Amino acid sequence: MLLVLCVDLDDDLGRKTGLDTPVVGRDAVETAAVELATADPEDSDVNVLFQGIHEYDDLSADPGVEEDVEVAAVTGTQGGDVKANRAIGEEIDRVLAGLSTGENVSSIVITDGAQDESVLPIVRSRVPIDSVRRVVVRQAQDLESIYYTMKQVLADPETRGTILVPLGILLLIYPFVTIASFFDIPGAVVLGVISALLGLYTLFRGLGLEDAVDDTAARVRDVLYEGRVTLITYVAAAALLVVGGFRGYALVETLRASPAETTPPLVLAALVHGAVQWFAAAGVTSSLGQVTDEYLADRFKWRYLNAPFYVVAIAVVLYVVSGFFLPPGIAGVESFSMTQLAVGLTAGTLLGVFSTLAFAIAESRFPTAAEATQG
């Protein structure tokens, strides 16, 4: 059986004529169309009903169509799309139950625009769709579709933010320039600031950074709520890194002011020599905070204690190597001889090796709760 289904999403038929829906059968649909046209001649759903009757007559008269043909009009409700779609689905179920046929039923859906076509998934979930016909008054072709598309765009939060925010910034250019003129601020400055804001926003949206920012904010919020020690140690480590950077830069400037020849390797050695102690302190601070949090969460393992020892070992090696290459007599430089370099390299290596062995033995002799569970 072939069902010609006329869709009225906002229930103009029921509200304006008082008819009960769904309306099934050619004569009933024709009567409903006449009553709706009498009540509101400008309603586009009148065209939908008459188009459904026209399709029904054509299919019934076509000798190539061997199936039985039926026409019905179903309506939703005025208001939200979800409620209207559910009402449409219920009426389709009633139409299908009333057909009382053993044949497979397929449908031709008649609508008056893009808004009514939002029910197509509802129809398709109940009966296969062979065709969709959109009825539009010739004098206003595509007008409703354009209106509905714009309405959907403005209703979507993501699309609305992407389109309206840049448009709003552009519209604010003239008021900002006018206000700036009262304070003797050049208009070029205002235009430059607004252009920079618009460019940053465009890059932010284009690169999809909003998800990364939201994830970062969520993690920071979780850290604050959970009272993790790492929050404090990371802040302290960041401060130590900044200080170390300034100390390294200061030592480079001291090297350049000295009589010694300044070469790129010496500049690198001075930068490392001045900053490595502070960087090591930052690494030890952050790793101890992480170890503390792991212990409080019952996830502590002995091997985690290797981190601060590794940081110290690497710092010792970098400090003595950079000091070996720097010339003596420069303020802030600890110069090392060949023997001292060998001792420093050996000490750093042994510190890393011994810490690894010590905590490996501790894991085997005194397993923690996390290690016992893993084992």
Foldseek 3Di string as FASTA:
>chain_A
DEEEEEEALAPLLCVQQVDDDWQKALVRLVVSLVSSCVRPVPDCSSVSSVVSSVVQVVLVPDPVNPDDYIYIYAYAHHDDNVRSLVRRLVRVVVVVVVVPDPDAYEYEYEEAEDSRCVSVVSVCVPHHYPYYHHDYDPVCPCVVHVVVVVVVQCVDVVSVCVPVVLVVLVVCLVVVLVVVVVVVDDSVVSVVVSVVVSVVVCCCVVVVCVVVVVVVVVVVVVCVVVVALLVVLLVVLVVLQVVLQVQLVVQLVLLVPDPDDDDVVLNVLSSLQRRLVSNLVSQLSNLVSVQVRCVVVQNHALCSVLRSLLSVLVSLLSNQVSLCPHDPDGPPHDHDHPVRNVVSNVVSVVSNVVSNVVRVVCCVPPNGPNSVVVD
